[in-house]
Amino acid sequence: MTREDDLGRPWLLPATLAAGCAIIVAMVGMTLTDLGPWYQSLRQPDWAPAPAVYGVAWTTIYALAALSAVSAWSAAPNRASAELIVGAFALNGFLNIVWSLLFFNARRPDLAFYEGIALWLSVAALILLCLRHSRPAALLLLPYLAWVSVAGLLNAEVVRLNGPFG
């Protein structure tokens, strides 16, 4: 399915929209991330990444996810498939934001852990969905799945070391 703007650039509009959505999800997540006294008081496992790693990792993941979305959307064979891809990425962005809301604002790492399972499943589903249309789009999401896996383990350890919550 070829989609082009008025100047014959099939990638411009989806790339702009995907980048904009990735930036919005990142900014909302960043706004919800409170690294103040409560977070600083949480015991972290010895293997927790250095604080500087998180920004680099999430920036990379959002950029790769935007590229993945454009690649999968562009390769979709019809409008219904393209809309399913957009919806799946939107759901994933929503789940990403909800995790931050639960962990940092509600101060419920225990609930965030369970929501993180839904987030992980949404990334896995995105990979499978993208794979149907674009192998590169699916491969671009593998670092996201790896990072959410590590984050899930880290979240579980924070709960174990600091619980109960609520």
N, C-alpha and C. Protein backbone atom coordinates (compact mmCIF):
# COMPACT_ATOMS: atom_id res chain seq x y z
N MET A 1 0.86 -1.17 0.00
CA MET A 1 0.00 0.00 0.00
C MET A 1 0.91 1.23 0.00
N THR A 2 0.84 2.00 -1.03
CA THR A 2 1.67 3.19 -1.13
C THR A 2 0.84 4.41 -0.76
N ARG A 3 1.35 5.16 0.18
CA ARG A 3 0.69 6.40 0.58
C ARG A 3 1.68 7.53 0.34
N GLU A 4 1.27 8.54 -0.37
CA GLU A 4 2.18 9.66 -0.64
C GLU A 4 1.50 10.97 -0.31
N ASP A 5 2.30 11.93 0.12
CA ASP A 5 1.76 13.27 0.31
C ASP A 5 1.73 13.98 -1.05
N ASP A 6 1.36 15.22 -1.08
CA ASP A 6 1.23 15.95 -2.34
C ASP A 6 2.55 16.09 -3.10
N LEU A 7 3.66 15.91 -2.42
CA LEU A 7 4.96 16.05 -3.08
C LEU A 7 5.59 14.69 -3.39
N GLY A 8 4.82 13.60 -3.22
CA GLY A 8 5.33 12.28 -3.54
C GLY A 8 6.23 11.68 -2.48
N ARG A 9 6.12 12.15 -1.27
CA ARG A 9 6.96 11.62 -0.18
C ARG A 9 6.08 10.71 0.68
N PRO A 10 6.16 9.40 0.49
CA PRO A 10 5.27 8.48 1.21
C PRO A 10 5.55 8.40 2.71
N TRP A 11 6.67 8.88 3.14
CA TRP A 11 7.07 8.73 4.53
C TRP A 11 6.86 9.97 5.37
N LEU A 12 6.68 11.13 4.77
CA LEU A 12 6.70 12.38 5.52
C LEU A 12 5.60 12.50 6.57
N LEU A 13 4.36 12.32 6.18
CA LEU A 13 3.26 12.46 7.13
C LEU A 13 3.32 11.39 8.23
N PRO A 14 3.46 10.11 7.89
CA PRO A 14 3.52 9.12 8.97
C PRO A 14 4.74 9.31 9.87
N ALA A 15 5.86 9.71 9.29
CA ALA A 15 7.06 9.93 10.11
C ALA A 15 6.86 11.08 11.06
N THR A 16 6.24 12.14 10.58
CA THR A 16 5.98 13.31 11.43
C THR A 16 5.01 12.95 12.55
N LEU A 17 3.94 12.23 12.19
CA LEU A 17 2.96 11.82 13.20
C LEU A 17 3.56 10.86 14.22
N ALA A 18 4.32 9.88 13.74
CA ALA A 18 4.93 8.91 14.65
C ALA A 18 5.93 9.59 15.59
N ALA A 19 6.74 10.49 15.05
CA ALA A 19 7.70 11.22 15.89
C ALA A 19 6.96 12.08 16.91
N GLY A 20 5.91 12.76 16.46
CA GLY A 20 5.12 13.59 17.38
C GLY A 20 4.49 12.77 18.50
N CYS A 21 3.93 11.63 18.15
CA CYS A 21 3.32 10.77 19.18
C CYS A 21 4.37 10.23 20.14
N ALA A 22 5.53 9.83 19.62
CA ALA A 22 6.60 9.34 20.49
C ALA A 22 7.05 10.44 21.45
N ILE A 23 7.16 11.66 20.95
CA ILE A 23 7.56 12.78 21.80
C ILE A 23 6.50 13.05 22.86
N ILE A 24 5.24 12.98 22.49
CA ILE A 24 4.16 13.21 23.47
C ILE A 24 4.19 12.16 24.56
N VAL A 25 4.30 10.89 24.18
CA VAL A 25 4.36 9.81 25.18
C VAL A 25 5.58 10.00 26.08
N ALA A 26 6.72 10.33 25.49
CA ALA A 26 7.93 10.55 26.28
C ALA A 26 7.77 11.72 27.24
N MET A 27 7.20 12.82 26.76
CA MET A 27 7.04 14.01 27.61
C MET A 27 6.04 13.75 28.75
N VAL A 28 4.94 13.08 28.45
CA VAL A 28 3.98 12.77 29.51
C VAL A 28 4.63 11.84 30.53
N GLY A 29 5.31 10.81 30.04
CA GLY A 29 5.99 9.89 30.96
C GLY A 29 7.03 10.59 31.80
N MET A 30 7.78 11.50 31.18
CA MET A 30 8.80 12.26 31.91
C MET A 30 8.15 13.16 32.96
N THR A 31 7.03 13.78 32.60
CA THR A 31 6.32 14.64 33.54
C THR A 31 5.81 13.84 34.75
N LEU A 32 5.40 12.61 34.51
CA LEU A 32 4.88 11.77 35.59
C LEU A 32 5.99 11.15 36.44
N THR A 33 7.21 11.18 35.95
CA THR A 33 8.33 10.55 36.65
C THR A 33 8.87 11.50 37.71
N ASP A 34 8.58 11.17 38.94
CA ASP A 34 9.02 11.98 40.08
C ASP A 34 10.16 11.26 40.79
N LEU A 35 11.37 11.77 40.62
CA LEU A 35 12.55 11.15 41.23
C LEU A 35 12.91 11.80 42.56
N GLY A 36 11.90 12.34 43.24
CA GLY A 36 12.10 13.03 44.49
C GLY A 36 12.37 12.10 45.66
N PRO A 37 12.12 12.59 46.88
CA PRO A 37 12.47 11.86 48.10
C PRO A 37 11.86 10.46 48.18
N TRP A 38 10.61 10.31 47.77
CA TRP A 38 10.01 8.97 47.86
C TRP A 38 10.79 7.97 47.03
N TYR A 39 11.05 8.32 45.77
CA TYR A 39 11.79 7.41 44.89
C TYR A 39 13.20 7.19 45.42
N GLN A 40 13.85 8.25 45.86
CA GLN A 40 15.22 8.13 46.37
C GLN A 40 15.29 7.23 47.59
N SER A 41 14.19 7.13 48.35
CA SER A 41 14.19 6.29 49.54
C SER A 41 14.03 4.81 49.24
N LEU A 42 13.63 4.48 48.02
CA LEU A 42 13.44 3.07 47.67
C LEU A 42 14.78 2.36 47.55
N ARG A 43 14.84 1.18 48.16
CA ARG A 43 16.03 0.35 47.97
C ARG A 43 15.98 -0.23 46.58
N GLN A 44 17.13 -0.18 45.90
CA GLN A 44 17.25 -0.70 44.54
C GLN A 44 18.19 -1.91 44.57
N PRO A 45 17.98 -2.85 43.67
CA PRO A 45 18.91 -3.98 43.60
C PRO A 45 20.29 -3.51 43.13
N ASP A 46 21.31 -4.26 43.47
CA ASP A 46 22.68 -3.90 43.10
C ASP A 46 22.87 -3.77 41.60
N TRP A 47 22.10 -4.50 40.84
CA TRP A 47 22.27 -4.53 39.39
C TRP A 47 21.44 -3.46 38.66
N ALA A 48 20.79 -2.59 39.39
CA ALA A 48 19.98 -1.54 38.77
C ALA A 48 20.87 -0.66 37.89
N PRO A 49 20.39 -0.28 36.70
CA PRO A 49 21.18 0.60 35.83
C PRO A 49 21.45 1.95 36.48
N ALA A 50 22.53 2.58 36.09
CA ALA A 50 22.84 3.93 36.56
C ALA A 50 21.73 4.88 36.09
N PRO A 51 21.43 5.90 36.88
CA PRO A 51 20.34 6.82 36.50
C PRO A 51 20.46 7.40 35.09
N ALA A 52 21.65 7.68 34.62
CA ALA A 52 21.83 8.26 33.28
C ALA A 52 21.41 7.31 32.17
N VAL A 53 21.40 6.02 32.45
CA VAL A 53 21.05 5.03 31.42
C VAL A 53 19.59 5.14 31.01
N TYR A 54 18.72 5.50 31.94
CA TYR A 54 17.28 5.51 31.64
C TYR A 54 16.93 6.48 30.52
N GLY A 55 17.44 7.68 30.58
CA GLY A 55 17.13 8.66 29.54
C GLY A 55 17.62 8.23 28.17
N VAL A 56 18.83 7.70 28.12
CA VAL A 56 19.39 7.23 26.85
C VAL A 56 18.56 6.06 26.32
N ALA A 57 18.24 5.13 27.21
CA ALA A 57 17.47 3.94 26.79
C ALA A 57 16.10 4.33 26.26
N TRP A 58 15.37 5.16 27.01
CA TRP A 58 14.02 5.52 26.57
C TRP A 58 14.03 6.37 25.31
N THR A 59 15.00 7.27 25.17
CA THR A 59 15.10 8.06 23.95
C THR A 59 15.32 7.16 22.75
N THR A 60 16.21 6.22 22.88
CA THR A 60 16.49 5.26 21.81
C THR A 60 15.26 4.43 21.50
N ILE A 61 14.59 3.94 22.53
CA ILE A 61 13.41 3.10 22.34
C ILE A 61 12.29 3.87 21.65
N TYR A 62 12.04 5.10 22.05
CA TYR A 62 10.98 5.88 21.41
C TYR A 62 11.32 6.16 19.95
N ALA A 63 12.57 6.45 19.66
CA ALA A 63 12.97 6.69 18.27
C ALA A 63 12.80 5.42 17.43
N LEU A 64 13.23 4.29 17.96
CA LEU A 64 13.08 3.02 17.24
C LEU A 64 11.61 2.65 17.07
N ALA A 65 10.79 2.91 18.09
CA ALA A 65 9.37 2.61 17.99
C ALA A 65 8.70 3.48 16.93
N ALA A 66 9.08 4.73 16.85
CA ALA A 66 8.51 5.60 15.82
C ALA A 66 8.90 5.10 14.43
N LEU A 67 10.15 4.72 14.26
CA LEU A 67 10.59 4.17 12.97
C LEU A 67 9.85 2.87 12.65
N SER A 68 9.67 2.05 13.66
CA SER A 68 8.93 0.80 13.49
C SER A 68 7.50 1.06 13.06
N ALA A 69 6.86 2.01 13.70
CA ALA A 69 5.46 2.33 13.37
C ALA A 69 5.35 2.79 11.92
N VAL A 70 6.25 3.65 11.50
CA VAL A 70 6.22 4.14 10.11
C VAL A 70 6.47 2.99 9.14
N SER A 71 7.43 2.15 9.44
CA SER A 71 7.75 1.03 8.56
C SER A 71 6.57 0.07 8.44
N ALA A 72 5.98 -0.28 9.56
CA ALA A 72 4.84 -1.22 9.54
C ALA A 72 3.63 -0.59 8.86
N TRP A 73 3.36 0.66 9.19
CA TRP A 73 2.22 1.36 8.59
C TRP A 73 2.37 1.46 7.08
N SER A 74 3.57 1.80 6.64
CA SER A 74 3.83 1.93 5.20
C SER A 74 3.71 0.60 4.47
N ALA A 75 4.03 -0.48 5.15
CA ALA A 75 3.98 -1.81 4.54
C ALA A 75 2.60 -2.47 4.64
N ALA A 76 1.71 -1.88 5.41
CA ALA A 76 0.38 -2.48 5.58
C ALA A 76 -0.31 -2.59 4.23
N PRO A 77 -0.93 -3.73 3.96
CA PRO A 77 -1.52 -3.95 2.64
C PRO A 77 -2.85 -3.22 2.40
N ASN A 78 -3.47 -2.76 3.49
CA ASN A 78 -4.77 -2.09 3.33
C ASN A 78 -5.02 -1.17 4.52
N ARG A 79 -6.08 -0.40 4.41
CA ARG A 79 -6.40 0.59 5.44
C ARG A 79 -6.68 -0.07 6.80
N ALA A 80 -7.40 -1.18 6.80
CA ALA A 80 -7.72 -1.86 8.06
C ALA A 80 -6.45 -2.30 8.79
N SER A 81 -5.50 -2.84 8.05
CA SER A 81 -4.23 -3.25 8.67
C SER A 81 -3.46 -2.05 9.20
N ALA A 82 -3.45 -0.97 8.43
CA ALA A 82 -2.76 0.24 8.86
C ALA A 82 -3.40 0.81 10.13
N GLU A 83 -4.72 0.81 10.18
CA GLU A 83 -5.41 1.31 11.38
C GLU A 83 -5.16 0.42 12.58
N LEU A 84 -5.06 -0.88 12.38
CA LEU A 84 -4.75 -1.80 13.48
C LEU A 84 -3.35 -1.51 14.02
N ILE A 85 -2.42 -1.25 13.15
CA ILE A 85 -1.05 -0.92 13.57
C ILE A 85 -1.05 0.37 14.39
N VAL A 86 -1.72 1.39 13.89
CA VAL A 86 -1.79 2.67 14.62
C VAL A 86 -2.44 2.47 15.99
N GLY A 87 -3.52 1.71 16.03
CA GLY A 87 -4.20 1.45 17.30
C GLY A 87 -3.33 0.69 18.29
N ALA A 88 -2.59 -0.28 17.79
CA ALA A 88 -1.72 -1.07 18.67
C ALA A 88 -0.60 -0.21 19.25
N PHE A 89 -0.03 0.67 18.43
CA PHE A 89 1.01 1.57 18.94
C PHE A 89 0.41 2.57 19.93
N ALA A 90 -0.81 3.04 19.67
CA ALA A 90 -1.47 3.97 20.60
C ALA A 90 -1.73 3.29 21.94
N LEU A 91 -2.22 2.05 21.92
CA LEU A 91 -2.46 1.32 23.16
C LEU A 91 -1.15 1.13 23.93
N ASN A 92 -0.09 0.81 23.22
CA ASN A 92 1.20 0.64 23.87
C ASN A 92 1.66 1.93 24.53
N GLY A 93 1.50 3.07 23.84
CA GLY A 93 1.87 4.36 24.42
C GLY A 93 1.07 4.65 25.68
N PHE A 94 -0.23 4.34 25.63
CA PHE A 94 -1.10 4.52 26.80
C PHE A 94 -0.60 3.67 27.97
N LEU A 95 -0.30 2.40 27.71
CA LEU A 95 0.18 1.52 28.78
C LEU A 95 1.52 2.00 29.34
N ASN A 96 2.36 2.55 28.50
CA ASN A 96 3.64 3.09 28.95
C ASN A 96 3.42 4.23 29.93
N ILE A 97 2.48 5.11 29.60
CA ILE A 97 2.16 6.25 30.47
C ILE A 97 1.54 5.77 31.79
N VAL A 98 0.64 4.80 31.72
CA VAL A 98 -0.02 4.30 32.93
C VAL A 98 1.00 3.69 33.89
N TRP A 99 2.02 3.02 33.36
CA TRP A 99 3.04 2.46 34.25
C TRP A 99 3.68 3.57 35.08
N SER A 100 4.08 4.65 34.42
CA SER A 100 4.70 5.78 35.14
C SER A 100 3.74 6.37 36.16
N LEU A 101 2.49 6.48 35.79
CA LEU A 101 1.48 7.02 36.69
C LEU A 101 1.36 6.15 37.95
N LEU A 102 1.29 4.84 37.76
CA LEU A 102 1.16 3.94 38.91
C LEU A 102 2.43 3.92 39.77
N PHE A 103 3.57 3.82 39.14
CA PHE A 103 4.82 3.70 39.91
C PHE A 103 5.17 4.99 40.63
N PHE A 104 5.21 6.09 39.89
CA PHE A 104 5.72 7.33 40.46
C PHE A 104 4.67 8.20 41.14
N ASN A 105 3.49 8.33 40.56
CA ASN A 105 2.48 9.22 41.13
C ASN A 105 1.62 8.54 42.18
N ALA A 106 1.17 7.33 41.87
CA ALA A 106 0.37 6.60 42.86
C ALA A 106 1.28 5.94 43.91
N ARG A 107 2.58 5.90 43.59
CA ARG A 107 3.56 5.27 44.49
C ARG A 107 3.18 3.82 44.79
N ARG A 108 2.82 3.14 43.72
CA ARG A 108 2.39 1.74 43.83
C ARG A 108 3.20 0.86 42.88
N PRO A 109 4.48 0.64 43.22
CA PRO A 109 5.28 -0.25 42.39
C PRO A 109 4.67 -1.64 42.24
N ASP A 110 3.90 -2.08 43.26
CA ASP A 110 3.27 -3.39 43.16
C ASP A 110 2.24 -3.42 42.03
N LEU A 111 1.40 -2.40 41.93
CA LEU A 111 0.43 -2.33 40.84
C LEU A 111 1.13 -2.07 39.51
N ALA A 112 2.18 -1.26 39.54
CA ALA A 112 2.93 -0.98 38.32
C ALA A 112 3.55 -2.26 37.76
N PHE A 113 3.96 -3.16 38.64
CA PHE A 113 4.51 -4.44 38.17
C PHE A 113 3.49 -5.19 37.34
N TYR A 114 2.27 -5.29 37.84
CA TYR A 114 1.23 -6.01 37.09
C TYR A 114 0.87 -5.29 35.80
N GLU A 115 0.83 -3.98 35.84
CA GLU A 115 0.58 -3.21 34.63
C GLU A 115 1.74 -3.39 33.66
N GLY A 116 2.95 -3.55 34.20
CA GLY A 116 4.13 -3.78 33.37
C GLY A 116 4.03 -5.08 32.58
N ILE A 117 3.33 -6.05 33.13
CA ILE A 117 3.09 -7.29 32.38
C ILE A 117 2.24 -6.98 31.15
N ALA A 118 1.21 -6.16 31.33
CA ALA A 118 0.39 -5.75 30.19
C ALA A 118 1.23 -4.96 29.17
N LEU A 119 2.11 -4.11 29.66
CA LEU A 119 2.99 -3.35 28.77
C LEU A 119 3.89 -4.30 27.99
N TRP A 120 4.48 -5.27 28.67
CA TRP A 120 5.35 -6.25 28.01
C TRP A 120 4.57 -7.01 26.94
N LEU A 121 3.37 -7.44 27.29
CA LEU A 121 2.53 -8.16 26.32
C LEU A 121 2.19 -7.28 25.11
N SER A 122 1.99 -5.98 25.36
CA SER A 122 1.67 -5.09 24.24
C SER A 122 2.88 -4.92 23.32
N VAL A 123 4.08 -4.91 23.87
CA VAL A 123 5.28 -4.82 23.03
C VAL A 123 5.43 -6.12 22.23
N ALA A 124 5.23 -7.26 22.88
CA ALA A 124 5.31 -8.54 22.18
C ALA A 124 4.27 -8.61 21.07
N ALA A 125 3.06 -8.13 21.34
CA ALA A 125 2.00 -8.12 20.33
C ALA A 125 2.36 -7.19 19.18
N LEU A 126 2.97 -6.04 19.49
CA LEU A 126 3.42 -5.13 18.43
C LEU A 126 4.44 -5.81 17.52
N ILE A 127 5.36 -6.53 18.13
CA ILE A 127 6.38 -7.23 17.35
C ILE A 127 5.72 -8.23 16.40
N LEU A 128 4.78 -9.01 16.92
CA LEU A 128 4.10 -10.00 16.08
C LEU A 128 3.27 -9.33 15.00
N LEU A 129 2.59 -8.26 15.34
CA LEU A 129 1.78 -7.53 14.36
C LEU A 129 2.66 -6.93 13.27
N CYS A 130 3.74 -6.29 13.68
CA CYS A 130 4.65 -5.69 12.70
C CYS A 130 5.29 -6.74 11.81
N LEU A 131 5.59 -7.89 12.39
CA LEU A 131 6.23 -8.97 11.63
C LEU A 131 5.37 -9.42 10.46
N ARG A 132 4.06 -9.31 10.61
CA ARG A 132 3.15 -9.69 9.52
C ARG A 132 3.34 -8.81 8.28
N HIS A 133 3.83 -7.60 8.48
CA HIS A 133 3.92 -6.63 7.38
C HIS A 133 5.34 -6.18 7.07
N SER A 134 6.20 -6.16 8.09
CA SER A 134 7.54 -5.62 7.90
C SER A 134 8.50 -6.21 8.93
N ARG A 135 9.37 -7.07 8.47
CA ARG A 135 10.36 -7.65 9.38
C ARG A 135 11.24 -6.57 10.04
N PRO A 136 11.71 -5.56 9.27
CA PRO A 136 12.50 -4.50 9.93
C PRO A 136 11.71 -3.80 11.04
N ALA A 137 10.42 -3.57 10.84
CA ALA A 137 9.61 -2.92 11.88
C ALA A 137 9.59 -3.76 13.14
N ALA A 138 9.47 -5.07 12.99
CA ALA A 138 9.47 -5.95 14.15
C ALA A 138 10.84 -5.94 14.85
N LEU A 139 11.90 -6.00 14.07
CA LEU A 139 13.25 -6.01 14.65
C LEU A 139 13.57 -4.73 15.40
N LEU A 140 13.04 -3.61 14.92
CA LEU A 140 13.27 -2.33 15.60
C LEU A 140 12.68 -2.31 17.01
N LEU A 141 11.72 -3.18 17.29
CA LEU A 141 11.07 -3.22 18.60
C LEU A 141 11.75 -4.17 19.59
N LEU A 142 12.70 -4.95 19.13
CA LEU A 142 13.36 -5.90 20.05
C LEU A 142 14.07 -5.21 21.22
N PRO A 143 14.76 -4.08 21.01
CA PRO A 143 15.35 -3.40 22.18
C PRO A 143 14.28 -2.95 23.19
N TYR A 144 13.12 -2.56 22.70
CA TYR A 144 12.01 -2.16 23.58
C TYR A 144 11.58 -3.34 24.44
N LEU A 145 11.42 -4.50 23.81
CA LEU A 145 11.03 -5.69 24.57
C LEU A 145 12.10 -6.05 25.60
N ALA A 146 13.35 -5.96 25.21
CA ALA A 146 14.44 -6.26 26.15
C ALA A 146 14.43 -5.29 27.32
N TRP A 147 14.25 -3.99 27.03
CA TRP A 147 14.27 -2.98 28.09
C TRP A 147 13.08 -3.14 29.03
N VAL A 148 11.90 -3.41 28.48
CA VAL A 148 10.72 -3.61 29.33
C VAL A 148 10.88 -4.88 30.16
N SER A 149 11.58 -5.88 29.64
CA SER A 149 11.86 -7.09 30.42
C SER A 149 12.76 -6.77 31.61
N VAL A 150 13.81 -6.02 31.35
CA VAL A 150 14.72 -5.61 32.44
C VAL A 150 13.96 -4.73 33.44
N ALA A 151 13.17 -3.79 32.93
CA ALA A 151 12.40 -2.90 33.81
C ALA A 151 11.41 -3.69 34.66
N GLY A 152 10.82 -4.73 34.08
CA GLY A 152 9.90 -5.57 34.84
C GLY A 152 10.60 -6.30 35.98
N LEU A 153 11.78 -6.83 35.68
CA LEU A 153 12.56 -7.49 36.74
C LEU A 153 12.98 -6.50 37.81
N LEU A 154 13.40 -5.32 37.39
CA LEU A 154 13.78 -4.28 38.33
C LEU A 154 12.58 -3.88 39.19
N ASN A 155 11.43 -3.72 38.57
CA ASN A 155 10.19 -3.38 39.29
C ASN A 155 9.87 -4.45 40.33
N ALA A 156 9.99 -5.72 39.94
CA ALA A 156 9.71 -6.82 40.87
C ALA A 156 10.67 -6.77 42.06
N GLU A 157 11.94 -6.45 41.81
CA GLU A 157 12.92 -6.36 42.89
C GLU A 157 12.63 -5.17 43.81
N VAL A 158 12.20 -4.06 43.25
CA VAL A 158 11.83 -2.91 44.08
C VAL A 158 10.67 -3.28 45.00
N VAL A 159 9.71 -4.00 44.47
CA VAL A 159 8.57 -4.45 45.29
C VAL A 159 9.07 -5.39 46.38
N ARG A 160 9.93 -6.35 46.02
CA ARG A 160 10.44 -7.31 47.00
C ARG A 160 11.25 -6.62 48.10
N LEU A 161 12.08 -5.65 47.71
CA LEU A 161 12.96 -5.00 48.67
C LEU A 161 12.25 -3.94 49.54
N ASN A 162 11.12 -3.43 49.06
CA ASN A 162 10.49 -2.29 49.74
C ASN A 162 9.04 -2.51 50.17
N GLY A 163 8.41 -3.57 49.70
CA GLY A 163 6.98 -3.77 49.96
C GLY A 163 6.70 -4.03 51.42
N PRO A 164 5.48 -4.06 51.79
CA PRO A 164 4.28 -3.89 50.96
C PRO A 164 3.97 -2.41 50.70
N PHE A 165 3.22 -2.19 49.65
CA PHE A 165 2.78 -0.85 49.27
C PHE A 165 1.26 -0.76 49.44
N GLY A 166 0.77 0.47 49.51
CA GLY A 166 -0.67 0.67 49.53
C GLY A 166 -1.30 0.78 50.85
